[in-house]
């Protein structure tokens, strides 16, 4: 188990942006009569937000960034680091964070780079960027995290289309010597990377004519080689195994009183899995917010999106003690113990 303790870093604000377009799972044309209701009952996902063609993750994250920075009253030239954590970059090259540095009119002294990660992305991004500013040489950073997953999945696949929605988020952190320590536990199981992957489109398997054709893999899966594929049973088993173990290990290693935690935020995979995880950890339902019903699985954006949509008032007005746990593509996972104190948490932005 990999543990990381990072002092001198305070979370100052979290913002989230989703597309205006709402897609109701009950009305999806991929379902036969009765199938939609069964899937909704199993996953807890009734609807998602989906981008129009031409909208990318940089568009959503730009809106979240601008709103958050304005509310914080941060001067743009004061931001030392800008990082985008996403699986859906605007271009193969350059890094999307570099493009955003220019679009957001940040200083040329600002460090900008991408982290290519999916579901565990917010925890990965927070640990990476916090490590950079904890010594005080860099003072302020913004972590942009999210995906436009609907553009990465087959539009006629019964397994993936009902699950995934689109969202972009921004998290502002700052060097602060009096900040509570951030505590992390992270891990990777790369030998099982094929459980969630997009086979074609990279350099290992470039796009071919065959990769652009829809192929049926059983009654529920119809996709192209350029679409993300998911081994549902293996992913379910993985999440159910690593998430409780990660949270337990984090609390034991850092001697965290689990009863003192105000909120536990889990990656919004599907409600059936997450409820299994919650019950395994014996956490009261009132401490585990869900955003699945209206937004689905939004990849790395799911934890900050849940904070904004389900706990906006609490984060804006109270001191809170929290644990977040994310798991998925990679296969990878990560948990973080973090405290906040009346942070800037604007209401959800629609783009």
Foldseek 3Di string as FASTA:
>chain_A
DDKDKFAQKAWFEKAKEFAPDKDFLVPQPLDDPPPSVVVCVFFVAGIAGADDPPDFQLNQQLVQVVVQCVVVVDDQQLAAEEEEEEQTAPDPDDGNQVVSCVVVVHDPNHHYHYHDFWFQRVQVQCVVVSVVPRVPPRFKYKYKYFGNQVVQADSNAQPPNRFEHTMIMIIMMGGGNPFDMKMKDKDFDQVPQLQKDQQEPDPVHHDDPQQPDWDDDPSRGTHGSSHIDHPVVVQLVVCLPVQLVRVVVRCVVVVNDPVQAQAEEEQSRGDNSVVSSCVVNVHDPNRYFAPNHRHGGGIHCRRSVRCQAPPQVVLQAAKGWYKYKTADRSRMIMMMTHIGGNHHRDHYHYD
